[in-house]
Amino acid sequence: MTIYFIRHGIDDEGYRGGWSQRGLVVEGYRQAERLGCYLKENQSSFNITRILSSDLQRALDTANEIARALSLPVESSQSWRETNNGVIAGMPHEIANERYPGLYFSELRMDERFPGGESPQDFFTRINTSFSKLCNELESTDPKENVIVVTHGGVINIIYHILKGLTWTNKNAHFPTSYTSIHKIEYQVDKWVVTAENLTEHISSDQAAGLSN
């Protein structure tokens, strides 16, 4: 059994992310569209049976494009959201910097919460719990079930740290997570392991040109 973690497509980078409910920009929709086509064309290899998604709009927009291609429903949940950045979620960078100077995730103490949001430790605990719950669920079901989870870069980064046995903090360097990248996690010999990282074959220039024509 396999879990494919997928980062959402590109959204408007002029705003603070986190729990922002801003959706994809046009390029992000195109990326998600290409990913959906790629997964459909290679469904015999991926054999996707379920699509889970963060319920933040940029993730849902991406998941819905994949679902449209694969003719599968989307199961959305708050569990797979990016860190809760409270009052600055979706705020333009300029305004956030004026009203909350220096308020960045990497500057927080591990136990320090965003105003109205989570601390880095809260975020880690939520994702660790969600990941463990999904793994346990899959281990008790059909071994041929392969699941997509459409989520966020910060979430995928935590999962890499968990699986590679690394201590995670909000100040660590991030593992690469390109927009709409695929990260393959397989269940092998009674444990989950990373078997492919940051796959972006579906957004190669040739495929992009073919879809834009």
N, C-alpha and C. Protein backbone atom coordinates (compact mmCIF):
# COMPACT_ATOMS: atom_id res chain seq x y z
N MET A 1 0.85 -1.19 0.00
CA MET A 1 0.00 0.00 0.00
C MET A 1 0.89 1.24 0.00
N THR A 2 0.34 2.33 -0.56
CA THR A 2 1.13 3.53 -0.79
C THR A 2 0.32 4.77 -0.47
N ILE A 3 0.98 5.76 0.11
CA ILE A 3 0.41 7.09 0.27
C ILE A 3 1.22 8.04 -0.61
N TYR A 4 0.52 8.76 -1.45
CA TYR A 4 1.15 9.80 -2.27
C TYR A 4 0.78 11.16 -1.69
N PHE A 5 1.74 11.78 -1.04
CA PHE A 5 1.50 13.14 -0.57
C PHE A 5 1.79 14.11 -1.70
N ILE A 6 0.87 15.03 -1.92
CA ILE A 6 0.99 15.98 -3.02
C ILE A 6 0.82 17.39 -2.48
N ARG A 7 1.75 18.27 -2.83
CA ARG A 7 1.59 19.67 -2.46
C ARG A 7 0.63 20.32 -3.46
N HIS A 8 -0.15 21.27 -2.97
CA HIS A 8 -1.09 21.99 -3.83
C HIS A 8 -0.36 22.78 -4.93
N GLY A 9 -1.11 23.23 -5.93
CA GLY A 9 -0.57 24.08 -6.99
C GLY A 9 -0.29 25.48 -6.49
N ILE A 10 0.32 26.28 -7.35
CA ILE A 10 0.73 27.62 -6.94
C ILE A 10 -0.47 28.52 -6.68
N ASP A 11 -0.38 29.25 -5.58
CA ASP A 11 -1.41 30.23 -5.23
C ASP A 11 -0.77 31.62 -5.28
N ASP A 12 -1.48 32.63 -4.85
CA ASP A 12 -0.95 33.99 -4.88
C ASP A 12 0.08 34.16 -3.77
N GLU A 13 1.33 34.35 -4.15
CA GLU A 13 2.41 34.40 -3.18
C GLU A 13 2.57 35.76 -2.52
N GLY A 14 1.68 36.70 -2.83
CA GLY A 14 1.74 38.02 -2.22
C GLY A 14 1.05 38.10 -0.87
N TYR A 15 0.55 36.96 -0.39
CA TYR A 15 -0.22 36.92 0.84
C TYR A 15 0.36 35.87 1.78
N ARG A 16 0.11 36.05 3.08
CA ARG A 16 0.52 35.03 4.04
C ARG A 16 -0.35 33.79 3.85
N GLY A 17 0.29 32.63 3.87
CA GLY A 17 -0.42 31.39 3.64
C GLY A 17 -1.07 30.85 4.89
N GLY A 18 -0.52 29.75 5.41
CA GLY A 18 -1.12 29.16 6.60
C GLY A 18 -2.56 28.77 6.36
N TRP A 19 -3.46 29.29 7.17
CA TRP A 19 -4.88 28.95 7.04
C TRP A 19 -5.62 29.89 6.09
N SER A 20 -4.90 30.57 5.24
CA SER A 20 -5.54 31.40 4.21
C SER A 20 -6.48 30.54 3.36
N GLN A 21 -7.63 31.09 3.02
CA GLN A 21 -8.58 30.38 2.17
C GLN A 21 -8.52 30.87 0.71
N ARG A 22 -7.43 31.53 0.34
CA ARG A 22 -7.25 31.91 -1.06
C ARG A 22 -6.97 30.66 -1.89
N GLY A 23 -7.56 30.61 -3.08
CA GLY A 23 -7.38 29.44 -3.93
C GLY A 23 -6.20 29.57 -4.87
N LEU A 24 -6.16 28.69 -5.85
CA LEU A 24 -5.08 28.68 -6.83
C LEU A 24 -5.20 29.85 -7.80
N VAL A 25 -4.06 30.30 -8.32
CA VAL A 25 -4.05 31.20 -9.46
C VAL A 25 -4.16 30.35 -10.72
N VAL A 26 -4.26 30.98 -11.89
CA VAL A 26 -4.45 30.23 -13.14
C VAL A 26 -3.34 29.21 -13.34
N GLU A 27 -2.09 29.62 -13.11
CA GLU A 27 -0.97 28.69 -13.29
C GLU A 27 -1.11 27.48 -12.36
N GLY A 28 -1.61 27.71 -11.15
CA GLY A 28 -1.82 26.61 -10.22
C GLY A 28 -2.86 25.62 -10.71
N TYR A 29 -3.94 26.14 -11.32
CA TYR A 29 -4.94 25.26 -11.92
C TYR A 29 -4.33 24.43 -13.05
N ARG A 30 -3.49 25.07 -13.86
CA ARG A 30 -2.84 24.34 -14.97
C ARG A 30 -1.93 23.24 -14.44
N GLN A 31 -1.19 23.55 -13.37
CA GLN A 31 -0.34 22.53 -12.76
C GLN A 31 -1.16 21.34 -12.27
N ALA A 32 -2.26 21.64 -11.59
CA ALA A 32 -3.12 20.59 -11.06
C ALA A 32 -3.78 19.80 -12.18
N GLU A 33 -4.14 20.49 -13.25
CA GLU A 33 -4.73 19.83 -14.42
C GLU A 33 -3.73 18.85 -15.04
N ARG A 34 -2.49 19.30 -15.17
CA ARG A 34 -1.46 18.42 -15.73
C ARG A 34 -1.22 17.22 -14.83
N LEU A 35 -1.23 17.46 -13.53
CA LEU A 35 -1.05 16.35 -12.59
C LEU A 35 -2.18 15.34 -12.72
N GLY A 36 -3.41 15.82 -12.80
CA GLY A 36 -4.55 14.92 -12.97
C GLY A 36 -4.42 14.08 -14.22
N CYS A 37 -4.04 14.71 -15.33
CA CYS A 37 -3.85 13.97 -16.58
C CYS A 37 -2.74 12.93 -16.45
N TYR A 38 -1.66 13.31 -15.80
CA TYR A 38 -0.52 12.40 -15.61
C TYR A 38 -0.93 11.19 -14.78
N LEU A 39 -1.67 11.42 -13.70
CA LEU A 39 -2.11 10.31 -12.85
C LEU A 39 -3.09 9.39 -13.60
N LYS A 40 -3.94 9.98 -14.40
CA LYS A 40 -4.89 9.18 -15.18
C LYS A 40 -4.16 8.33 -16.22
N GLU A 41 -3.20 8.94 -16.90
CA GLU A 41 -2.45 8.22 -17.93
C GLU A 41 -1.61 7.08 -17.33
N ASN A 42 -1.25 7.23 -16.07
CA ASN A 42 -0.41 6.22 -15.40
C ASN A 42 -1.13 5.52 -14.26
N GLN A 43 -2.46 5.46 -14.38
CA GLN A 43 -3.26 4.88 -13.31
C GLN A 43 -2.93 3.40 -13.08
N SER A 44 -2.49 2.71 -14.10
CA SER A 44 -2.13 1.30 -13.92
C SER A 44 -0.94 1.15 -12.98
N SER A 45 -0.09 2.19 -12.92
CA SER A 45 1.05 2.17 -11.99
C SER A 45 0.68 2.71 -10.62
N PHE A 46 -0.09 3.80 -10.61
CA PHE A 46 -0.44 4.44 -9.33
C PHE A 46 -1.59 3.72 -8.62
N ASN A 47 -2.58 3.28 -9.37
CA ASN A 47 -3.74 2.56 -8.82
C ASN A 47 -4.34 3.32 -7.64
N ILE A 48 -4.66 4.59 -7.84
CA ILE A 48 -5.21 5.42 -6.78
C ILE A 48 -6.65 4.99 -6.48
N THR A 49 -6.96 4.79 -5.20
CA THR A 49 -8.31 4.38 -4.81
C THR A 49 -9.04 5.44 -3.99
N ARG A 50 -8.30 6.37 -3.38
CA ARG A 50 -8.91 7.43 -2.56
C ARG A 50 -8.14 8.73 -2.71
N ILE A 51 -8.87 9.84 -2.57
CA ILE A 51 -8.24 11.16 -2.56
C ILE A 51 -8.63 11.87 -1.27
N LEU A 52 -7.65 12.13 -0.43
CA LEU A 52 -7.86 12.92 0.78
C LEU A 52 -7.26 14.31 0.55
N SER A 53 -7.78 15.30 1.25
CA SER A 53 -7.28 16.65 1.03
C SER A 53 -7.46 17.52 2.26
N SER A 54 -6.52 18.43 2.45
CA SER A 54 -6.74 19.56 3.33
C SER A 54 -7.97 20.31 2.83
N ASP A 55 -8.72 20.92 3.75
CA ASP A 55 -9.91 21.66 3.32
C ASP A 55 -9.63 23.13 3.04
N LEU A 56 -8.36 23.54 3.04
CA LEU A 56 -8.02 24.89 2.60
C LEU A 56 -8.17 24.97 1.09
N GLN A 57 -8.62 26.12 0.59
CA GLN A 57 -9.07 26.19 -0.79
C GLN A 57 -8.00 25.84 -1.82
N ARG A 58 -6.75 26.24 -1.59
CA ARG A 58 -5.70 25.95 -2.57
C ARG A 58 -5.47 24.44 -2.70
N ALA A 59 -5.62 23.72 -1.59
CA ALA A 59 -5.50 22.26 -1.64
C ALA A 59 -6.73 21.64 -2.29
N LEU A 60 -7.91 22.14 -1.92
CA LEU A 60 -9.14 21.60 -2.51
C LEU A 60 -9.20 21.83 -4.01
N ASP A 61 -8.76 23.01 -4.47
CA ASP A 61 -8.73 23.28 -5.91
C ASP A 61 -7.86 22.23 -6.62
N THR A 62 -6.73 21.93 -6.02
CA THR A 62 -5.81 20.93 -6.59
C THR A 62 -6.43 19.54 -6.57
N ALA A 63 -6.98 19.17 -5.43
CA ALA A 63 -7.60 17.85 -5.28
C ALA A 63 -8.77 17.67 -6.24
N ASN A 64 -9.54 18.72 -6.45
CA ASN A 64 -10.70 18.62 -7.36
C ASN A 64 -10.28 18.40 -8.80
N GLU A 65 -9.15 18.96 -9.20
CA GLU A 65 -8.63 18.71 -10.55
C GLU A 65 -8.20 17.26 -10.69
N ILE A 66 -7.56 16.73 -9.67
CA ILE A 66 -7.16 15.32 -9.69
C ILE A 66 -8.39 14.42 -9.70
N ALA A 67 -9.37 14.77 -8.88
CA ALA A 67 -10.60 13.98 -8.79
C ALA A 67 -11.35 13.97 -10.11
N ARG A 68 -11.35 15.10 -10.79
CA ARG A 68 -12.02 15.20 -12.09
C ARG A 68 -11.39 14.24 -13.09
N ALA A 69 -10.07 14.12 -13.05
CA ALA A 69 -9.36 13.23 -13.98
C ALA A 69 -9.56 11.76 -13.63
N LEU A 70 -9.59 11.45 -12.34
CA LEU A 70 -9.64 10.06 -11.90
C LEU A 70 -11.05 9.57 -11.59
N SER A 71 -12.02 10.49 -11.65
CA SER A 71 -13.42 10.14 -11.34
C SER A 71 -13.56 9.54 -9.95
N LEU A 72 -12.93 10.20 -8.99
CA LEU A 72 -13.00 9.79 -7.59
C LEU A 72 -13.48 10.96 -6.74
N PRO A 73 -14.15 10.70 -5.62
CA PRO A 73 -14.56 11.79 -4.72
C PRO A 73 -13.38 12.30 -3.91
N VAL A 74 -13.53 13.50 -3.37
CA VAL A 74 -12.51 14.09 -2.49
C VAL A 74 -13.03 14.06 -1.05
N GLU A 75 -12.20 13.54 -0.15
CA GLU A 75 -12.51 13.54 1.28
C GLU A 75 -11.68 14.64 1.93
N SER A 76 -12.31 15.74 2.30
CA SER A 76 -11.56 16.87 2.84
C SER A 76 -11.59 16.89 4.37
N SER A 77 -10.55 17.47 4.96
CA SER A 77 -10.42 17.48 6.41
C SER A 77 -9.51 18.62 6.85
N GLN A 78 -9.80 19.18 8.03
CA GLN A 78 -8.90 20.17 8.63
C GLN A 78 -7.59 19.54 9.07
N SER A 79 -7.56 18.24 9.24
CA SER A 79 -6.39 17.56 9.79
C SER A 79 -5.13 17.81 8.97
N TRP A 80 -5.29 18.00 7.65
CA TRP A 80 -4.14 18.12 6.75
C TRP A 80 -3.83 19.57 6.38
N ARG A 81 -4.39 20.52 7.15
CA ARG A 81 -4.11 21.93 6.89
C ARG A 81 -2.66 22.29 7.22
N GLU A 82 -2.19 23.37 6.59
CA GLU A 82 -0.91 23.98 6.94
C GLU A 82 -1.03 24.53 8.36
N THR A 83 0.08 25.05 8.91
CA THR A 83 0.04 25.60 10.26
C THR A 83 -0.97 26.73 10.37
N ASN A 84 -1.64 26.79 11.50
CA ASN A 84 -2.63 27.84 11.75
C ASN A 84 -1.92 29.12 12.16
N ASN A 85 -1.84 30.07 11.21
CA ASN A 85 -1.15 31.33 11.49
C ASN A 85 -2.10 32.44 11.95
N GLY A 86 -3.28 32.05 12.41
CA GLY A 86 -4.17 32.95 13.13
C GLY A 86 -4.57 34.21 12.38
N VAL A 87 -4.33 35.35 13.01
CA VAL A 87 -4.85 36.62 12.49
C VAL A 87 -4.22 37.05 11.17
N ILE A 88 -3.06 36.53 10.82
CA ILE A 88 -2.42 36.97 9.58
C ILE A 88 -2.73 36.06 8.39
N ALA A 89 -3.55 35.04 8.58
CA ALA A 89 -3.88 34.12 7.48
C ALA A 89 -4.52 34.89 6.33
N GLY A 90 -3.94 34.80 5.14
CA GLY A 90 -4.47 35.45 3.96
C GLY A 90 -4.22 36.94 3.89
N MET A 91 -3.47 37.48 4.82
CA MET A 91 -3.19 38.92 4.84
C MET A 91 -2.06 39.28 3.88
N PRO A 92 -2.16 40.37 3.13
CA PRO A 92 -1.04 40.77 2.27
C PRO A 92 0.23 40.94 3.09
N HIS A 93 1.37 40.54 2.51
CA HIS A 93 2.63 40.60 3.24
C HIS A 93 2.91 41.99 3.80
N GLU A 94 2.65 43.01 2.98
CA GLU A 94 2.95 44.38 3.41
C GLU A 94 2.16 44.76 4.66
N ILE A 95 0.88 44.41 4.68
CA ILE A 95 0.05 44.73 5.83
C ILE A 95 0.47 43.91 7.05
N ALA A 96 0.75 42.63 6.84
CA ALA A 96 1.20 41.78 7.96
C ALA A 96 2.49 42.32 8.56
N ASN A 97 3.40 42.76 7.71
CA ASN A 97 4.68 43.29 8.21
C ASN A 97 4.49 44.59 8.97
N GLU A 98 3.50 45.40 8.56
CA GLU A 98 3.23 46.66 9.26
C GLU A 98 2.59 46.40 10.63
N ARG A 99 1.62 45.50 10.65
CA ARG A 99 0.83 45.28 11.88
C ARG A 99 1.50 44.31 12.84
N TYR A 100 2.23 43.35 12.28
CA TYR A 100 2.86 42.32 13.12
C TYR A 100 4.31 42.13 12.68
N PRO A 101 5.15 43.16 12.86
CA PRO A 101 6.54 43.06 12.39
C PRO A 101 7.27 41.88 13.04
N GLY A 102 7.96 41.14 12.20
CA GLY A 102 8.75 40.01 12.69
C GLY A 102 7.96 38.77 13.01
N LEU A 103 6.65 38.76 12.70
CA LEU A 103 5.82 37.59 13.01
C LEU A 103 5.91 36.57 11.88
N TYR A 104 6.87 35.67 12.00
CA TYR A 104 7.07 34.61 11.02
C TYR A 104 7.16 33.27 11.76
N PHE A 105 6.75 32.21 11.08
CA PHE A 105 6.75 30.88 11.68
C PHE A 105 8.12 30.51 12.23
N SER A 106 9.16 30.78 11.44
CA SER A 106 10.51 30.37 11.85
C SER A 106 11.05 31.18 13.02
N GLU A 107 10.39 32.28 13.37
CA GLU A 107 10.84 33.11 14.48
C GLU A 107 10.15 32.76 15.80
N LEU A 108 9.11 31.93 15.74
CA LEU A 108 8.39 31.56 16.96
C LEU A 108 9.20 30.56 17.79
N ARG A 109 9.02 30.62 19.11
CA ARG A 109 9.50 29.52 19.95
C ARG A 109 8.61 28.31 19.67
N MET A 110 9.08 27.14 19.99
CA MET A 110 8.30 25.94 19.71
C MET A 110 6.96 25.94 20.43
N ASP A 111 6.89 26.60 21.60
CA ASP A 111 5.65 26.65 22.36
C ASP A 111 4.91 27.99 22.22
N GLU A 112 5.35 28.82 21.28
CA GLU A 112 4.75 30.15 21.10
C GLU A 112 3.74 30.12 19.96
N ARG A 113 2.52 30.53 20.25
CA ARG A 113 1.46 30.48 19.25
C ARG A 113 1.38 31.77 18.43
N PHE A 114 1.01 31.62 17.14
CA PHE A 114 0.57 32.78 16.39
C PHE A 114 -0.64 33.39 17.13
N PRO A 115 -0.82 34.71 17.13
CA PRO A 115 -2.03 35.28 17.71
C PRO A 115 -3.27 34.67 17.04
N GLY A 116 -4.07 33.97 17.84
CA GLY A 116 -5.26 33.31 17.30
C GLY A 116 -4.96 32.02 16.56
N GLY A 117 -3.74 31.49 16.68
CA GLY A 117 -3.37 30.30 15.92
C GLY A 117 -2.63 29.26 16.74
N GLU A 118 -1.78 28.49 16.05
CA GLU A 118 -1.04 27.38 16.65
C GLU A 118 0.39 27.77 16.95
N SER A 119 1.01 27.01 17.82
CA SER A 119 2.46 27.04 18.00
C SER A 119 3.08 26.00 17.07
N PRO A 120 4.38 26.09 16.80
CA PRO A 120 5.03 25.02 16.03
C PRO A 120 4.81 23.64 16.65
N GLN A 121 4.85 23.53 17.98
CA GLN A 121 4.64 22.23 18.62
C GLN A 121 3.21 21.74 18.40
N ASP A 122 2.23 22.65 18.47
CA ASP A 122 0.84 22.29 18.17
C ASP A 122 0.73 21.72 16.76
N PHE A 123 1.36 22.39 15.82
CA PHE A 123 1.32 21.98 14.42
C PHE A 123 1.92 20.59 14.24
N PHE A 124 3.10 20.38 14.81
CA PHE A 124 3.75 19.07 14.71
C PHE A 124 2.87 17.98 15.30
N THR A 125 2.31 18.24 16.46
CA THR A 125 1.47 17.23 17.12
C THR A 125 0.26 16.88 16.27
N ARG A 126 -0.37 17.89 15.68
CA ARG A 126 -1.54 17.65 14.83
C ARG A 126 -1.19 16.78 13.63
N ILE A 127 -0.10 17.11 12.96
CA ILE A 127 0.27 16.35 11.75
C ILE A 127 0.75 14.95 12.12
N ASN A 128 1.52 14.82 13.17
CA ASN A 128 1.97 13.51 13.63
C ASN A 128 0.78 12.62 13.95
N THR A 129 -0.23 13.18 14.63
CA THR A 129 -1.43 12.42 14.98
C THR A 129 -2.21 12.02 13.73
N SER A 130 -2.37 12.96 12.79
CA SER A 130 -3.11 12.69 11.56
C SER A 130 -2.42 11.62 10.72
N PHE A 131 -1.10 11.70 10.64
CA PHE A 131 -0.34 10.74 9.86
C PHE A 131 -0.41 9.35 10.49
N SER A 132 -0.25 9.27 11.79
CA SER A 132 -0.34 7.98 12.48
C SER A 132 -1.71 7.35 12.30
N LYS A 133 -2.74 8.18 12.40
CA LYS A 133 -4.11 7.69 12.25
C LYS A 133 -4.33 7.13 10.84
N LEU A 134 -3.85 7.84 9.81
CA LEU A 134 -4.01 7.36 8.44
C LEU A 134 -3.23 6.07 8.24
N CYS A 135 -2.00 6.00 8.72
CA CYS A 135 -1.20 4.77 8.57
C CYS A 135 -1.88 3.58 9.23
N ASN A 136 -2.38 3.78 10.44
CA ASN A 136 -3.06 2.69 11.14
C ASN A 136 -4.31 2.25 10.39
N GLU A 137 -5.03 3.21 9.85
CA GLU A 137 -6.24 2.89 9.09
C GLU A 137 -5.91 2.05 7.86
N LEU A 138 -4.88 2.45 7.14
CA LEU A 138 -4.51 1.72 5.92
C LEU A 138 -3.96 0.34 6.24
N GLU A 139 -3.22 0.22 7.31
CA GLU A 139 -2.65 -1.07 7.68
C GLU A 139 -3.72 -2.10 8.02
N SER A 140 -4.90 -1.62 8.39
CA SER A 140 -5.97 -2.53 8.77
C SER A 140 -6.98 -2.77 7.64
N THR A 141 -6.67 -2.25 6.44
CA THR A 141 -7.60 -2.42 5.31
C THR A 141 -6.92 -3.17 4.17
N ASP A 142 -7.45 -2.97 2.98
CA ASP A 142 -6.94 -3.64 1.78
C ASP A 142 -5.49 -3.25 1.52
N PRO A 143 -4.57 -4.21 1.45
CA PRO A 143 -3.16 -3.88 1.22
C PRO A 143 -2.90 -3.28 -0.16
N LYS A 144 -3.87 -3.35 -1.04
CA LYS A 144 -3.70 -2.78 -2.38
C LYS A 144 -4.24 -1.35 -2.46
N GLU A 145 -4.72 -0.82 -1.34
CA GLU A 145 -5.27 0.53 -1.35
C GLU A 145 -4.17 1.57 -1.41
N ASN A 146 -4.23 2.43 -2.41
CA ASN A 146 -3.27 3.52 -2.57
C ASN A 146 -4.01 4.85 -2.48
N VAL A 147 -3.49 5.73 -1.66
CA VAL A 147 -4.20 6.96 -1.31
C VAL A 147 -3.38 8.19 -1.68
N ILE A 148 -4.06 9.21 -2.19
CA ILE A 148 -3.47 10.52 -2.39
C ILE A 148 -3.88 11.41 -1.22
N VAL A 149 -2.94 12.18 -0.70
CA VAL A 149 -3.25 13.22 0.28
C VAL A 149 -2.74 14.55 -0.29
N VAL A 150 -3.66 15.43 -0.64
CA VAL A 150 -3.29 16.75 -1.15
C VAL A 150 -3.17 17.70 0.05
N THR A 151 -2.00 18.25 0.23
CA THR A 151 -1.74 19.03 1.44
C THR A 151 -0.76 20.16 1.15
N HIS A 152 0.10 20.48 2.10
CA HIS A 152 0.92 21.69 2.05
C HIS A 152 2.38 21.37 2.33
N GLY A 153 3.26 22.28 1.91
CA GLY A 153 4.68 22.04 2.05
C GLY A 153 5.13 21.80 3.48
N GLY A 154 4.58 22.57 4.42
CA GLY A 154 4.95 22.40 5.81
C GLY A 154 4.55 21.05 6.37
N VAL A 155 3.40 20.55 5.93
CA VAL A 155 2.92 19.23 6.36
C VAL A 155 3.85 18.14 5.85
N ILE A 156 4.16 18.19 4.57
CA ILE A 156 5.03 17.18 3.96
C ILE A 156 6.41 17.19 4.61
N ASN A 157 6.90 18.38 4.93
CA ASN A 157 8.20 18.50 5.58
C ASN A 157 8.21 17.78 6.94
N ILE A 158 7.16 17.93 7.70
CA ILE A 158 7.07 17.23 8.99
C ILE A 158 7.08 15.72 8.78
N ILE A 159 6.35 15.24 7.79
CA ILE A 159 6.28 13.80 7.54
C ILE A 159 7.64 13.25 7.13
N TYR A 160 8.39 13.99 6.35
CA TYR A 160 9.76 13.57 6.03
C TYR A 160 10.58 13.41 7.31
N HIS A 161 10.49 14.37 8.21
CA HIS A 161 11.26 14.28 9.44
C HIS A 161 10.85 13.06 10.26
N ILE A 162 9.54 12.80 10.34
CA ILE A 162 9.06 11.64 11.09
C ILE A 162 9.62 10.35 10.50
N LEU A 163 9.48 10.19 9.19
CA LEU A 163 9.88 8.93 8.55
C LEU A 163 11.39 8.73 8.51
N LYS A 164 12.14 9.83 8.47
CA LYS A 164 13.60 9.72 8.43
C LYS A 164 14.22 9.76 9.82
N GLY A 165 13.37 9.78 10.85
CA GLY A 165 13.87 9.74 12.23
C GLY A 165 14.61 10.99 12.64
N LEU A 166 14.22 12.14 12.09
CA LEU A 166 14.88 13.41 12.38
C LEU A 166 14.03 14.26 13.32
N THR A 167 14.67 14.94 14.23
CA THR A 167 13.94 15.85 15.11
C THR A 167 13.50 17.07 14.31
N TRP A 168 12.21 17.39 14.38
CA TRP A 168 11.68 18.53 13.63
C TRP A 168 11.56 19.74 14.53
N THR A 169 11.97 20.90 14.03
CA THR A 169 11.65 22.19 14.65
C THR A 169 11.27 23.15 13.53
N ASN A 170 10.69 24.27 13.89
CA ASN A 170 10.31 25.28 12.90
C ASN A 170 11.49 26.03 12.32
N LYS A 171 12.68 25.73 12.78
CA LYS A 171 13.87 26.39 12.27
C LYS A 171 14.70 25.48 11.34
N ASN A 172 14.26 24.23 11.18
CA ASN A 172 14.98 23.30 10.31
C ASN A 172 14.88 23.71 8.85
N ALA A 173 15.89 23.31 8.06
CA ALA A 173 15.79 23.45 6.61
C ALA A 173 14.68 22.53 6.11
N HIS A 174 13.99 22.97 5.06
CA HIS A 174 12.88 22.19 4.52
C HIS A 174 13.36 21.19 3.46
N PHE A 175 12.73 20.03 3.42
CA PHE A 175 12.90 19.13 2.29
C PHE A 175 12.21 19.76 1.08
N PRO A 176 12.75 19.56 -0.14
CA PRO A 176 12.14 20.17 -1.32
C PRO A 176 10.70 19.70 -1.53
N THR A 177 9.80 20.66 -1.75
CA THR A 177 8.39 20.36 -2.02
C THR A 177 7.88 21.34 -3.07
N SER A 178 8.09 21.04 -4.32
CA SER A 178 7.63 21.91 -5.40
C SER A 178 6.11 21.88 -5.49
N TYR A 179 5.54 22.91 -6.12
CA TYR A 179 4.10 22.93 -6.32
C TYR A 179 3.65 21.71 -7.12
N THR A 180 2.64 21.03 -6.67
CA THR A 180 2.05 19.79 -7.21
C THR A 180 3.04 18.63 -7.27
N SER A 181 4.12 18.71 -6.50
CA SER A 181 5.07 17.59 -6.44
C SER A 181 4.46 16.39 -5.75
N ILE A 182 4.95 15.20 -6.13
CA ILE A 182 4.49 13.92 -5.58
C ILE A 182 5.57 13.36 -4.66
N HIS A 183 5.15 12.89 -3.49
CA HIS A 183 6.06 12.32 -2.49
C HIS A 183 5.50 10.95 -2.11
N LYS A 184 6.23 9.90 -2.44
CA LYS A 184 5.72 8.52 -2.33
C LYS A 184 6.17 7.86 -1.04
N ILE A 185 5.19 7.39 -0.27
CA ILE A 185 5.43 6.71 1.00
C ILE A 185 4.85 5.30 0.88
N GLU A 186 5.69 4.27 1.07
CA GLU A 186 5.23 2.88 0.92
C GLU A 186 5.37 2.11 2.23
N TYR A 187 4.48 1.15 2.38
CA TYR A 187 4.52 0.26 3.55
C TYR A 187 5.34 -0.96 3.18
N GLN A 188 6.52 -1.08 3.80
CA GLN A 188 7.44 -2.17 3.47
C GLN A 188 7.96 -2.81 4.76
N VAL A 189 7.79 -4.12 4.85
CA VAL A 189 8.31 -4.88 5.99
C VAL A 189 7.91 -4.22 7.31
N ASP A 190 6.60 -4.02 7.45
CA ASP A 190 6.02 -3.51 8.70
C ASP A 190 6.41 -2.08 9.06
N LYS A 191 6.82 -1.30 8.09
CA LYS A 191 7.05 0.11 8.39
C LYS A 191 6.87 0.95 7.12
N TRP A 192 6.59 2.24 7.32
CA TRP A 192 6.39 3.17 6.22
C TRP A 192 7.72 3.85 5.89
N VAL A 193 8.04 3.89 4.60
CA VAL A 193 9.31 4.48 4.16
C VAL A 193 9.08 5.39 2.96
N VAL A 194 9.92 6.40 2.83
CA VAL A 194 9.89 7.28 1.66
C VAL A 194 10.61 6.58 0.52
N THR A 195 9.91 6.43 -0.62
CA THR A 195 10.53 5.74 -1.76
C THR A 195 10.68 6.64 -2.99
N ALA A 196 10.10 7.83 -2.97
CA ALA A 196 10.29 8.79 -4.06
C ALA A 196 10.02 10.18 -3.52
N GLU A 197 10.89 11.12 -3.86
CA GLU A 197 10.80 12.47 -3.29
C GLU A 197 10.64 13.53 -4.37
N ASN A 198 9.68 14.42 -4.15
CA ASN A 198 9.53 15.63 -4.97
C ASN A 198 9.48 15.35 -6.47
N LEU A 199 8.63 14.39 -6.86
CA LEU A 199 8.50 14.06 -8.28
C LEU A 199 7.71 15.14 -9.01
N THR A 200 8.25 15.62 -10.14
CA THR A 200 7.60 16.70 -10.90
C THR A 200 7.56 16.41 -12.40
N GLU A 201 7.64 15.15 -12.77
CA GLU A 201 7.65 14.77 -14.18
C GLU A 201 6.44 15.33 -14.93
N HIS A 202 5.31 15.42 -14.25
CA HIS A 202 4.06 15.86 -14.88
C HIS A 202 4.06 17.33 -15.27
N ILE A 203 4.98 18.12 -14.73
CA ILE A 203 5.02 19.54 -15.11
C ILE A 203 6.27 19.87 -15.93
N SER A 204 6.75 18.85 -16.67
CA SER A 204 7.86 19.09 -17.59
C SER A 204 7.40 20.04 -18.70
N SER A 205 8.32 20.69 -19.34
CA SER A 205 7.98 21.68 -20.36
C SER A 205 7.23 21.08 -21.53
N ASP A 206 7.59 19.84 -21.90
CA ASP A 206 6.91 19.22 -23.05
C ASP A 206 5.45 18.97 -22.76
N GLN A 207 5.16 18.46 -21.56
CA GLN A 207 3.76 18.18 -21.20
C GLN A 207 2.99 19.48 -21.06
N ALA A 208 3.65 20.49 -20.52
CA ALA A 208 2.99 21.78 -20.35
C ALA A 208 2.62 22.37 -21.69
N ALA A 209 3.52 22.28 -22.66
CA ALA A 209 3.24 22.81 -23.99
C ALA A 209 2.10 22.05 -24.64
N GLY A 210 2.07 20.73 -24.44
CA GLY A 210 1.02 19.93 -25.04
C GLY A 210 -0.37 20.28 -24.53
N LEU A 211 -0.46 20.62 -23.26
CA LEU A 211 -1.76 20.95 -22.69
C LEU A 211 -2.20 22.36 -23.03
N SER A 212 -1.24 23.26 -23.29
CA SER A 212 -1.60 24.64 -23.54
C SER A 212 -2.03 24.87 -24.98
N ASN A 213 -1.75 23.90 -25.85
CA ASN A 213 -2.13 24.05 -27.25
C ASN A 213 -3.60 23.76 -27.49
